[in-house]
Amino acid sequence: MDGKQLQDQYKNHLSDFHDWDQKPHAESWTLFPENISEHLSIDETSFSNGELYTIVSSKSAKGRKGTILATIKGTKAEDIMAVLERIPLRSRNKVKEVTMDMAPNMAKAIRRCFRNARRVVDRFHVQKLAFDAVQELRIKYRWEVLDAESKKIMESRKRGIPYEPELLPNGDTLKQLLARSRHLLFKHPSRWSESQKHRAELLFLRFPKLKQAYDLGIALGDIFNKCKDKKVAFTKLGLWNNQVENAGIASFESVAKSIAAHHQYILHYFDNRSTNASAESFNAKLKAFRSVFRGVRDTTFFLYRVMKLYA
């Protein structure tokens, strides 16, 4: 049978899609109060055309049936609260912990709807800020090298001689070195290959500030990986903040300010070492499901299929 015809038959005749009690408002929100648990995650994802949905999920379901507690179109705190407050207060008060990123709208919604829950800022979002700061510096240097190379090419043309770029010992030009170092700057030195070690050595020799930024990013990750006690982690974050101030790297100063503003909820990670990994994993499942559909034309039907699998 033709695939499109089979889908139409399933949608209009074989399934109970048209009798689904949440169909009238599914595109705006869906809610499954029976899936609430003591440990929740909240994150946003995109179904189609960049349209964002906030998804509240239960960790206890481990990405299977019963995972989805709510889906809400958009990321406005008022919209999230309006849906979550439909869950009886007694059930909401049983929630002990919610993992999330640093978005203030989500913090506001969780504070209002789950008053007894401990908010935990996901460590991987914090580390991503640091990695982004390193990459920002790498890209800045790359543009500077590209500009310098363009000037040298123009000068060579005026003098009527061919331009010969400098080749480094590993065969890279300076702009290639910066472009090809992207992935190694995300990795711990212990996971570098031999060629990456050589490239990193050349990179940090030419750009010592980039090494300083990379070391700051690795040091932040080590705090989360190695510290077992919240008080020790708090002290080490303070020392890390001092290192950032001494380094004088603008992008890392912004990272340090974000961490300082949310440090109370970042430190909650060290209580149970809870992360938002389950939400990120679930987002990956939704994206894989979306790719099977080759895009989402009918959002309501897509949500119906998702709810059948995960709610």
C-alpha atoms as a PDB file:
ATOM      1  CA  MET A   1       0.000   0.000   0.000  1.00  0.00           C
ATOM      2  CA  ASP A   2       1.162   3.525  -0.705  1.00  0.00           C
ATOM      3  CA  GLY A   3       2.719   5.035   2.459  1.00  0.00           C
ATOM      4  CA  LYS A   4       0.734   8.264   2.275  1.00  0.00           C
ATOM      5  CA  GLN A   5      -2.511   6.345   1.807  1.00  0.00           C
ATOM      6  CA  LEU A   6      -1.697   4.126   4.819  1.00  0.00           C
ATOM      7  CA  GLN A   7      -1.015   7.215   6.940  1.00  0.00           C
ATOM      8  CA  ASP A   8      -4.323   8.758   5.880  1.00  0.00           C
ATOM      9  CA  GLN A   9      -6.157   5.505   6.697  1.00  0.00           C
ATOM     10  CA  TYR A  10      -4.505   5.356  10.125  1.00  0.00           C
ATOM     11  CA  LYS A  11      -5.211   9.015  10.846  1.00  0.00           C
ATOM     12  CA  ASN A  12      -8.860   9.051   9.745  1.00  0.00           C
ATOM     13  CA  HIS A  13     -10.100   5.481  10.311  1.00  0.00           C
ATOM     14  CA  LEU A  14      -7.813   3.085  12.201  1.00  0.00           C
ATOM     15  CA  SER A  15      -6.781   5.338  15.105  1.00  0.00           C
ATOM     16  CA  ASP A  16      -8.872   7.232  17.640  1.00  0.00           C
ATOM     17  CA  PHE A  17      -7.203  10.514  16.630  1.00  0.00           C
ATOM     18  CA  HIS A  18     -10.501  12.311  15.936  1.00  0.00           C
ATOM     19  CA  ASP A  19     -11.886  11.178  19.318  1.00  0.00           C
ATOM     20  CA  TRP A  20      -8.764  12.212  21.238  1.00  0.00           C
ATOM     21  CA  ASP A  21      -9.937  14.316  24.165  1.00  0.00           C
ATOM     22  CA  GLN A  22      -6.957  16.716  23.905  1.00  0.00           C
ATOM     23  CA  LYS A  23      -7.205  17.248  20.148  1.00  0.00           C
ATOM     24  CA  PRO A  24      -8.992  20.655  20.321  1.00  0.00           C
ATOM     25  CA  HIS A  25      -6.124  22.257  22.267  1.00  0.00           C
ATOM     26  CA  ALA A  26      -3.214  19.896  21.454  1.00  0.00           C
ATOM     27  CA  GLU A  27      -1.401  22.422  19.281  1.00  0.00           C
ATOM     28  CA  SER A  28      -1.404  24.887  22.197  1.00  0.00           C
ATOM     29  CA  TRP A  29      -0.916  22.450  25.085  1.00  0.00           C
ATOM     30  CA  THR A  30      -1.352  18.873  26.282  1.00  0.00           C
ATOM     31  CA  LEU A  31      -1.343  17.637  29.868  1.00  0.00           C
ATOM     32  CA  PHE A  32      -1.097  14.199  31.485  1.00  0.00           C
ATOM     33  CA  PRO A  33      -1.343  14.700  35.290  1.00  0.00           C
ATOM     34  CA  GLU A  34      -1.081  10.959  35.948  1.00  0.00           C
ATOM     35  CA  ASN A  35       2.552  11.060  34.749  1.00  0.00           C
ATOM     36  CA  ILE A  36       3.752  13.393  37.499  1.00  0.00           C
ATOM     37  CA  SER A  37       6.643  12.098  39.644  1.00  0.00           C
ATOM     38  CA  GLU A  38       9.003  13.355  42.335  1.00  0.00           C
ATOM     39  CA  HIS A  39      11.770  14.138  39.816  1.00  0.00           C
ATOM     40  CA  LEU A  40      10.988  16.175  36.692  1.00  0.00           C
ATOM     41  CA  SER A  41      12.855  17.861  33.841  1.00  0.00           C
ATOM     42  CA  ILE A  42      11.854  20.927  31.833  1.00  0.00           C
ATOM     43  CA  ASP A  43      13.323  21.942  28.480  1.00  0.00           C
ATOM     44  CA  GLU A  44      12.297  23.418  25.145  1.00  0.00           C
ATOM     45  CA  THR A  45      12.422  21.824  21.696  1.00  0.00           C
ATOM     46  CA  SER A  46      11.322  22.610  18.159  1.00  0.00           C
ATOM     47  CA  PHE A  47       8.879  20.453  16.194  1.00  0.00           C
ATOM     48  CA  SER A  48       8.767  22.364  12.899  1.00  0.00           C
ATOM     49  CA  ASN A  49       9.754  25.708  11.363  1.00  0.00           C
ATOM     50  CA  GLY A  50      11.611  26.721  14.511  1.00  0.00           C
ATOM     51  CA  GLU A  51       8.371  26.818  16.553  1.00  0.00           C
ATOM     52  CA  LEU A  52       9.371  26.163  20.169  1.00  0.00           C
ATOM     53  CA  TYR A  53       7.501  23.951  22.626  1.00  0.00           C
ATOM     54  CA  THR A  54       8.230  23.596  26.336  1.00  0.00           C
ATOM     55  CA  ILE A  55       8.207  19.971  27.474  1.00  0.00           C
ATOM     56  CA  VAL A  56       7.905  18.900  31.104  1.00  0.00           C
ATOM     57  CA  SER A  57       8.903  15.263  31.514  1.00  0.00           C
ATOM     58  CA  SER A  58       9.151  12.654  34.247  1.00  0.00           C
ATOM     59  CA  LYS A  59      12.553  11.118  34.958  1.00  0.00           C
ATOM     60  CA  SER A  60      11.058   7.971  36.490  1.00  0.00           C
ATOM     61  CA  ALA A  61       9.636   6.834  33.121  1.00  0.00           C
ATOM     62  CA  LYS A  62      13.182   6.752  31.642  1.00  0.00           C
ATOM     63  CA  GLY A  63      12.119   7.956  28.197  1.00  0.00           C
ATOM     64  CA  ARG A  64       9.335   5.392  27.761  1.00  0.00           C
ATOM     65  CA  LYS A  65       5.560   5.490  28.294  1.00  0.00           C
ATOM     66  CA  GLY A  66       4.622   7.961  30.983  1.00  0.00           C
ATOM     67  CA  THR A  67       7.518  10.323  30.204  1.00  0.00           C
ATOM     68  CA  ILE A  68       5.521  13.358  29.050  1.00  0.00           C
ATOM     69  CA  LEU A  69       3.787  15.362  31.731  1.00  0.00           C
ATOM     70  CA  ALA A  70       2.992  18.420  29.585  1.00  0.00           C
ATOM     71  CA  THR A  71       3.759  20.102  26.273  1.00  0.00           C
ATOM     72  CA  ILE A  72       3.165  23.851  25.974  1.00  0.00           C
ATOM     73  CA  LYS A  73       3.520  25.926  22.841  1.00  0.00           C
ATOM     74  CA  GLY A  74       6.087  28.683  23.356  1.00  0.00           C
ATOM     75  CA  THR A  75       8.310  29.460  26.313  1.00  0.00           C
ATOM     76  CA  LYS A  76       6.393  32.211  28.162  1.00  0.00           C
ATOM     77  CA  ALA A  77       6.274  31.617  31.901  1.00  0.00           C
ATOM     78  CA  GLU A  78       2.598  32.624  32.067  1.00  0.00           C
ATOM     79  CA  ASP A  79       1.617  30.004  29.463  1.00  0.00           C
ATOM     80  CA  ILE A  80       3.627  27.283  31.222  1.00  0.00           C
ATOM     81  CA  MET A  81       2.084  28.148  34.601  1.00  0.00           C
ATOM     82  CA  ALA A  82      -1.458  28.232  33.196  1.00  0.00           C
ATOM     83  CA  VAL A  83      -1.105  24.624  32.015  1.00  0.00           C
ATOM     84  CA  LEU A  84       0.806  23.183  34.977  1.00  0.00           C
ATOM     85  CA  GLU A  85      -1.607  24.725  37.480  1.00  0.00           C
ATOM     86  CA  ARG A  86      -4.310  22.459  36.048  1.00  0.00           C
ATOM     87  CA  ILE A  87      -2.579  19.647  37.958  1.00  0.00           C
ATOM     88  CA  PRO A  88      -4.031  19.332  41.490  1.00  0.00           C
ATOM     89  CA  LEU A  89      -1.951  21.192  44.081  1.00  0.00           C
ATOM     90  CA  ARG A  90      -1.587  18.047  46.216  1.00  0.00           C
ATOM     91  CA  SER A  91       0.137  16.258  43.305  1.00  0.00           C
ATOM     92  CA  ARG A  92       2.347  19.250  42.504  1.00  0.00           C
ATOM     93  CA  ASN A  93       3.496  19.507  46.106  1.00  0.00           C
ATOM     94  CA  LYS A  94       4.911  15.965  45.896  1.00  0.00           C
ATOM     95  CA  VAL A  95       7.529  17.030  43.326  1.00  0.00           C
ATOM     96  CA  LYS A  96      10.940  17.131  45.035  1.00  0.00           C
ATOM     97  CA  GLU A  97      13.306  18.167  42.229  1.00  0.00           C
ATOM     98  CA  VAL A  98      13.195  19.762  38.776  1.00  0.00           C
ATOM     99  CA  THR A  99      16.240  19.975  36.493  1.00  0.00           C
ATOM    100  CA  MET A 100      16.398  22.856  34.019  1.00  0.00           C
ATOM    101  CA  ASP A 101      18.655  25.304  32.202  1.00  0.00           C
ATOM    102  CA  MET A 102      19.270  28.897  33.274  1.00  0.00           C
ATOM    103  CA  ALA A 103      16.228  30.361  31.487  1.00  0.00           C
ATOM    104  CA  PRO A 104      14.430  32.765  33.877  1.00  0.00           C
ATOM    105  CA  ASN A 105      10.998  31.931  32.426  1.00  0.00           C
ATOM    106  CA  MET A 106      11.357  28.280  33.407  1.00  0.00           C
ATOM    107  CA  ALA A 107      12.659  29.193  36.864  1.00  0.00           C
ATOM    108  CA  LYS A 108       9.622  31.413  37.417  1.00  0.00           C
ATOM    109  CA  ALA A 109       7.192  28.685  36.292  1.00  0.00           C
ATOM    110  CA  ILE A 110       8.799  25.999  38.464  1.00  0.00           C
ATOM    111  CA  ARG A 111       8.954  28.281  41.507  1.00  0.00           C
ATOM    112  CA  ARG A 112       5.238  29.024  41.159  1.00  0.00           C
ATOM    113  CA  CYS A 113       3.916  25.567  40.241  1.00  0.00           C
ATOM    114  CA  PHE A 114       6.179  23.223  42.252  1.00  0.00           C
ATOM    115  CA  ARG A 115       6.774  25.088  45.501  1.00  0.00           C
ATOM    116  CA  ASN A 116       8.392  22.198  47.341  1.00  0.00           C
ATOM    117  CA  ALA A 117      10.730  21.268  44.491  1.00  0.00           C
ATOM    118  CA  ARG A 118      14.471  21.920  44.509  1.00  0.00           C
ATOM    119  CA  ARG A 119      15.523  23.626  41.263  1.00  0.00           C
ATOM    120  CA  VAL A 120      18.723  22.216  39.758  1.00  0.00           C
ATOM    121  CA  VAL A 121      20.494  24.079  36.951  1.00  0.00           C
ATOM    122  CA  ASP A 122      21.886  21.501  34.535  1.00  0.00           C
ATOM    123  CA  ARG A 123      25.684  21.273  34.764  1.00  0.00           C
ATOM    124  CA  PHE A 124      26.005  20.643  31.022  1.00  0.00           C
ATOM    125  CA  HIS A 125      24.355  23.981  30.223  1.00  0.00           C
ATOM    126  CA  VAL A 126      26.883  25.661  32.508  1.00  0.00           C
ATOM    127  CA  GLN A 127      29.807  23.861  30.855  1.00  0.00           C
ATOM    128  CA  LYS A 128      28.429  24.689  27.407  1.00  0.00           C
ATOM    129  CA  LEU A 129      28.651  28.390  28.273  1.00  0.00           C
ATOM    130  CA  ALA A 130      32.355  27.918  29.003  1.00  0.00           C
ATOM    131  CA  PHE A 131      32.955  25.978  25.781  1.00  0.00           C
ATOM    132  CA  ASP A 132      31.086  28.662  23.819  1.00  0.00           C
ATOM    133  CA  ALA A 133      33.362  31.291  25.361  1.00  0.00           C
ATOM    134  CA  VAL A 134      36.439  29.340  24.194  1.00  0.00           C
ATOM    135  CA  GLN A 135      35.005  28.995  20.685  1.00  0.00           C
ATOM    136  CA  GLU A 136      34.159  32.706  20.594  1.00  0.00           C
ATOM    137  CA  LEU A 137      37.818  33.531  21.222  1.00  0.00           C
ATOM    138  CA  ARG A 138      38.956  31.011  18.578  1.00  0.00           C
ATOM    139  CA  ILE A 139      36.584  32.536  16.007  1.00  0.00           C
ATOM    140  CA  LYS A 140      37.788  36.048  16.911  1.00  0.00           C
ATOM    141  CA  TYR A 141      41.386  35.025  16.223  1.00  0.00           C
ATOM    142  CA  ARG A 142      40.354  33.301  12.992  1.00  0.00           C
ATOM    143  CA  TRP A 143      38.767  36.501  11.645  1.00  0.00           C
ATOM    144  CA  GLU A 144      41.890  38.432  12.602  1.00  0.00           C
ATOM    145  CA  VAL A 145      44.070  35.924  10.719  1.00  0.00           C
ATOM    146  CA  LEU A 146      41.749  36.047   7.675  1.00  0.00           C
ATOM    147  CA  ASP A 147      41.923  39.860   7.630  1.00  0.00           C
ATOM    148  CA  ALA A 148      45.718  39.802   7.919  1.00  0.00           C
ATOM    149  CA  GLU A 149      45.968  37.232   5.115  1.00  0.00           C
ATOM    150  CA  SER A 150      43.706  39.314   2.837  1.00  0.00           C
ATOM    151  CA  LYS A 151      45.968  42.331   3.357  1.00  0.00           C
ATOM    152  CA  LYS A 152      49.073  40.276   2.544  1.00  0.00           C
ATOM    153  CA  ILE A 153      47.439  38.941  -0.641  1.00  0.00           C
ATOM    154  CA  MET A 154      46.602  42.493  -1.743  1.00  0.00           C
ATOM    155  CA  GLU A 155      50.175  43.640  -1.030  1.00  0.00           C
ATOM    156  CA  SER A 156      51.581  40.687  -3.012  1.00  0.00           C
ATOM    157  CA  ARG A 157      49.387  41.563  -5.988  1.00  0.00           C
ATOM    158  CA  LYS A 158      50.542  45.174  -5.925  1.00  0.00           C
ATOM    159  CA  ARG A 159      54.165  44.008  -5.913  1.00  0.00           C
ATOM    160  CA  GLY A 160      53.436  41.448  -8.656  1.00  0.00           C
ATOM    161  CA  ILE A 161      54.631  38.426  -6.698  1.00  0.00           C
ATOM    162  CA  PRO A 162      52.635  35.308  -5.738  1.00  0.00           C
ATOM    163  CA  TYR A 163      51.445  35.048  -2.143  1.00  0.00           C
ATOM    164  CA  GLU A 164      52.867  32.106  -0.208  1.00  0.00           C
ATOM    165  CA  PRO A 165      51.099  31.454   3.128  1.00  0.00           C
ATOM    166  CA  GLU A 166      53.154  30.284   6.083  1.00  0.00           C
ATOM    167  CA  LEU A 167      52.992  26.521   6.570  1.00  0.00           C
ATOM    168  CA  LEU A 168      53.220  25.167  10.104  1.00  0.00           C
ATOM    169  CA  PRO A 169      55.097  21.932  10.994  1.00  0.00           C
ATOM    170  CA  ASN A 170      51.868  19.853  10.744  1.00  0.00           C
ATOM    171  CA  GLY A 171      51.098  21.181   7.255  1.00  0.00           C
ATOM    172  CA  ASP A 172      48.346  23.611   8.296  1.00  0.00           C
ATOM    173  CA  THR A 173      48.266  27.275   7.472  1.00  0.00           C
ATOM    174  CA  LEU A 174      47.426  29.554  10.388  1.00  0.00           C
ATOM    175  CA  LYS A 175      43.760  29.925   9.331  1.00  0.00           C
ATOM    176  CA  GLN A 176      43.495  26.140   8.840  1.00  0.00           C
ATOM    177  CA  LEU A 177      45.000  25.589  12.283  1.00  0.00           C
ATOM    178  CA  LEU A 178      42.274  27.724  13.859  1.00  0.00           C
ATOM    179  CA  ALA A 179      39.493  26.120  11.792  1.00  0.00           C
ATOM    180  CA  ARG A 180      40.653  22.550  12.449  1.00  0.00           C
ATOM    181  CA  SER A 181      41.098  23.094  16.192  1.00  0.00           C
ATOM    182  CA  ARG A 182      37.369  23.456  16.803  1.00  0.00           C
ATOM    183  CA  HIS A 183      36.735  19.886  17.964  1.00  0.00           C
ATOM    184  CA  LEU A 184      39.833  19.466  20.103  1.00  0.00           C
ATOM    185  CA  LEU A 185      38.829  22.531  22.139  1.00  0.00           C
ATOM    186  CA  PHE A 186      35.673  20.670  23.224  1.00  0.00           C
ATOM    187  CA  LYS A 187      37.680  17.665  24.478  1.00  0.00           C
ATOM    188  CA  HIS A 188      39.694  16.967  27.605  1.00  0.00           C
ATOM    189  CA  PRO A 189      43.451  16.715  26.853  1.00  0.00           C
ATOM    190  CA  SER A 190      43.383  13.059  27.926  1.00  0.00           C
ATOM    191  CA  ARG A 191      41.090  12.312  24.959  1.00  0.00           C
ATOM    192  CA  TRP A 192      43.207  14.011  22.278  1.00  0.00           C
ATOM    193  CA  SER A 193      44.683  11.915  19.482  1.00  0.00           C
ATOM    194  CA  GLU A 194      48.383  12.337  18.596  1.00  0.00           C
ATOM    195  CA  SER A 195      47.572  14.690  15.714  1.00  0.00           C
ATOM    196  CA  GLN A 196      45.295  16.746  17.969  1.00  0.00           C
ATOM    197  CA  LYS A 197      48.039  16.989  20.606  1.00  0.00           C
ATOM    198  CA  HIS A 198      50.414  18.328  17.957  1.00  0.00           C
ATOM    199  CA  ARG A 199      47.803  20.765  16.642  1.00  0.00           C
ATOM    200  CA  ALA A 200      46.979  21.972  20.169  1.00  0.00           C
ATOM    201  CA  GLU A 201      50.681  22.536  20.891  1.00  0.00           C
ATOM    202  CA  LEU A 202      51.019  24.703  17.767  1.00  0.00           C
ATOM    203  CA  LEU A 203      47.751  26.517  18.492  1.00  0.00           C
ATOM    204  CA  PHE A 204      48.556  27.402  22.083  1.00  0.00           C
ATOM    205  CA  LEU A 205      52.095  28.456  21.152  1.00  0.00           C
ATOM    206  CA  ARG A 206      50.685  31.050  18.729  1.00  0.00           C
ATOM    207  CA  PHE A 207      47.651  32.007  20.833  1.00  0.00           C
ATOM    208  CA  PRO A 208      48.484  31.752  24.560  1.00  0.00           C
ATOM    209  CA  LYS A 209      45.238  33.554  25.507  1.00  0.00           C
ATOM    210  CA  LEU A 210      43.312  30.727  23.846  1.00  0.00           C
ATOM    211  CA  LYS A 211      45.157  28.210  26.018  1.00  0.00           C
ATOM    212  CA  GLN A 212      44.231  30.260  29.077  1.00  0.00           C
ATOM    213  CA  ALA A 213      40.543  30.191  28.010  1.00  0.00           C
ATOM    214  CA  TYR A 214      40.689  26.450  27.283  1.00  0.00           C
ATOM    215  CA  ASP A 215      42.242  25.744  30.691  1.00  0.00           C
ATOM    216  CA  LEU A 216      39.453  27.733  32.372  1.00  0.00           C
ATOM    217  CA  GLY A 217      36.822  25.649  30.548  1.00  0.00           C
ATOM    218  CA  ILE A 218      38.501  22.373  31.559  1.00  0.00           C
ATOM    219  CA  ALA A 219      38.897  23.574  35.176  1.00  0.00           C
ATOM    220  CA  LEU A 220      35.156  24.294  35.376  1.00  0.00           C
ATOM    221  CA  GLY A 221      34.346  20.791  34.101  1.00  0.00           C
ATOM    222  CA  ASP A 222      36.730  19.263  36.632  1.00  0.00           C
ATOM    223  CA  ILE A 223      34.824  20.948  39.479  1.00  0.00           C
ATOM    224  CA  PHE A 224      31.653  19.116  38.437  1.00  0.00           C
ATOM    225  CA  ASN A 225      33.463  15.832  37.753  1.00  0.00           C
ATOM    226  CA  LYS A 226      35.694  15.617  40.802  1.00  0.00           C
ATOM    227  CA  CYS A 227      33.917  17.426  43.639  1.00  0.00           C
ATOM    228  CA  LYS A 228      31.666  15.259  45.813  1.00  0.00           C
ATOM    229  CA  ASP A 229      30.804  17.850  48.442  1.00  0.00           C
ATOM    230  CA  LYS A 230      28.737  20.990  47.844  1.00  0.00           C
ATOM    231  CA  LYS A 231      30.840  23.139  50.194  1.00  0.00           C
ATOM    232  CA  VAL A 232      34.070  22.123  48.454  1.00  0.00           C
ATOM    233  CA  ALA A 233      32.474  22.839  45.067  1.00  0.00           C
ATOM    234  CA  PHE A 234      31.358  26.284  46.290  1.00  0.00           C
ATOM    235  CA  THR A 235      34.921  27.098  47.370  1.00  0.00           C
ATOM    236  CA  LYS A 236      36.386  25.875  44.082  1.00  0.00           C
ATOM    237  CA  LEU A 237      33.872  27.880  42.061  1.00  0.00           C
ATOM    238  CA  GLY A 238      34.997  30.955  44.009  1.00  0.00           C
ATOM    239  CA  LEU A 239      38.657  30.224  43.185  1.00  0.00           C
ATOM    240  CA  TRP A 240      37.704  29.620  39.533  1.00  0.00           C
ATOM    241  CA  ASN A 241      35.958  32.998  39.491  1.00  0.00           C
ATOM    242  CA  ASN A 242      39.201  34.613  40.716  1.00  0.00           C
ATOM    243  CA  GLN A 243      41.096  32.940  37.878  1.00  0.00           C
ATOM    244  CA  VAL A 244      38.577  34.362  35.392  1.00  0.00           C
ATOM    245  CA  GLU A 245      39.066  37.866  36.804  1.00  0.00           C
ATOM    246  CA  ASN A 246      42.859  37.532  36.495  1.00  0.00           C
ATOM    247  CA  ALA A 247      42.607  36.196  32.919  1.00  0.00           C
ATOM    248  CA  GLY A 248      40.758  39.280  31.654  1.00  0.00           C
ATOM    249  CA  ILE A 249      38.839  37.382  28.933  1.00  0.00           C
ATOM    250  CA  ALA A 250      35.564  39.225  28.325  1.00  0.00           C
ATOM    251  CA  SER A 251      33.526  36.171  27.245  1.00  0.00           C
ATOM    252  CA  PHE A 252      34.563  34.252  30.383  1.00  0.00           C
ATOM    253  CA  GLU A 253      33.700  37.212  32.575  1.00  0.00           C
ATOM    254  CA  SER A 254      30.140  36.931  31.192  1.00  0.00           C
ATOM    255  CA  VAL A 255      30.147  33.201  32.005  1.00  0.00           C
ATOM    256  CA  ALA A 256      31.315  33.915  35.552  1.00  0.00           C
ATOM    257  CA  LYS A 257      28.534  36.480  36.038  1.00  0.00           C
ATOM    258  CA  SER A 258      25.908  33.953  34.864  1.00  0.00           C
ATOM    259  CA  ILE A 259      27.271  31.321  37.248  1.00  0.00           C
ATOM    260  CA  ALA A 260      27.304  33.822  40.125  1.00  0.00           C
ATOM    261  CA  ALA A 261      23.671  34.758  39.413  1.00  0.00           C
ATOM    262  CA  HIS A 262      22.546  31.100  39.482  1.00  0.00           C
ATOM    263  CA  HIS A 263      25.148  29.562  41.821  1.00  0.00           C
ATOM    264  CA  GLN A 264      22.576  28.449  44.415  1.00  0.00           C
ATOM    265  CA  TYR A 265      20.766  26.245  41.875  1.00  0.00           C
ATOM    266  CA  ILE A 266      23.971  25.130  40.150  1.00  0.00           C
ATOM    267  CA  LEU A 267      25.271  23.864  43.504  1.00  0.00           C
ATOM    268  CA  HIS A 268      22.093  21.781  43.971  1.00  0.00           C
ATOM    269  CA  TYR A 269      23.649  19.439  41.399  1.00  0.00           C
ATOM    270  CA  PHE A 270      26.017  18.156  44.091  1.00  0.00           C
ATOM    271  CA  ASP A 271      23.126  16.905  46.265  1.00  0.00           C
ATOM    272  CA  ASN A 272      22.039  14.090  43.931  1.00  0.00           C
ATOM    273  CA  ARG A 273      24.234  14.795  40.860  1.00  0.00           C
ATOM    274  CA  SER A 274      21.034  15.327  38.868  1.00  0.00           C
ATOM    275  CA  THR A 275      21.265  16.632  35.295  1.00  0.00           C
ATOM    276  CA  ASN A 276      18.904  17.426  32.450  1.00  0.00           C
ATOM    277  CA  ALA A 277      20.367  14.593  30.362  1.00  0.00           C
ATOM    278  CA  SER A 278      17.039  12.724  30.342  1.00  0.00           C
ATOM    279  CA  ALA A 279      15.311  15.750  28.778  1.00  0.00           C
ATOM    280  CA  GLU A 280      18.067  16.143  26.166  1.00  0.00           C
ATOM    281  CA  SER A 281      17.838  12.424  25.362  1.00  0.00           C
ATOM    282  CA  PHE A 282      14.069  12.691  25.013  1.00  0.00           C
ATOM    283  CA  ASN A 283      14.476  15.711  22.701  1.00  0.00           C
ATOM    284  CA  ALA A 284      16.748  13.571  20.515  1.00  0.00           C
ATOM    285  CA  LYS A 285      14.012  10.904  20.330  1.00  0.00           C
ATOM    286  CA  LEU A 286      11.476  13.526  19.259  1.00  0.00           C
ATOM    287  CA  LYS A 287      13.815  14.820  16.543  1.00  0.00           C
ATOM    288  CA  ALA A 288      14.371  11.269  15.275  1.00  0.00           C
ATOM    289  CA  PHE A 289      10.602  10.713  15.228  1.00  0.00           C
ATOM    290  CA  ARG A 290      10.175  14.005  13.361  1.00  0.00           C
ATOM    291  CA  SER A 291      12.738  12.929  10.748  1.00  0.00           C
ATOM    292  CA  VAL A 292      10.670   9.773  10.085  1.00  0.00           C
ATOM    293  CA  PHE A 293       7.783  12.109   9.236  1.00  0.00           C
ATOM    294  CA  ARG A 294      10.196  14.129   7.024  1.00  0.00           C
ATOM    295  CA  GLY A 295       9.000  17.263   8.735  1.00  0.00           C
ATOM    296  CA  VAL A 296       5.796  18.084  10.582  1.00  0.00           C
ATOM    297  CA  ARG A 297       2.882  19.313   8.479  1.00  0.00           C
ATOM    298  CA  ASP A 298       0.089  18.520  10.919  1.00  0.00           C
ATOM    299  CA  THR A 299       1.347  19.417  14.416  1.00  0.00           C
ATOM    300  CA  THR A 300      -1.750  18.067  16.161  1.00  0.00           C
ATOM    301  CA  PHE A 301      -1.442  14.634  14.532  1.00  0.00           C
ATOM    302  CA  PHE A 302       2.296  14.584  15.208  1.00  0.00           C
ATOM    303  CA  LEU A 303       1.631  15.299  18.890  1.00  0.00           C
ATOM    304  CA  TYR A 304      -1.020  12.580  18.941  1.00  0.00           C
ATOM    305  CA  ARG A 305       1.536  10.047  17.668  1.00  0.00           C
ATOM    306  CA  VAL A 306       4.085  11.254  20.222  1.00  0.00           C
ATOM    307  CA  MET A 307       1.545  11.012  23.057  1.00  0.00           C
ATOM    308  CA  LYS A 308       0.673   7.446  22.075  1.00  0.00           C
ATOM    309  CA  LEU A 309       4.323   6.485  22.417  1.00  0.00           C
ATOM    310  CA  TYR A 310       5.494   8.586  25.373  1.00  0.00           C
ATOM    311  CA  ALA A 311       2.463   9.766  27.386  1.00  0.00           C
END
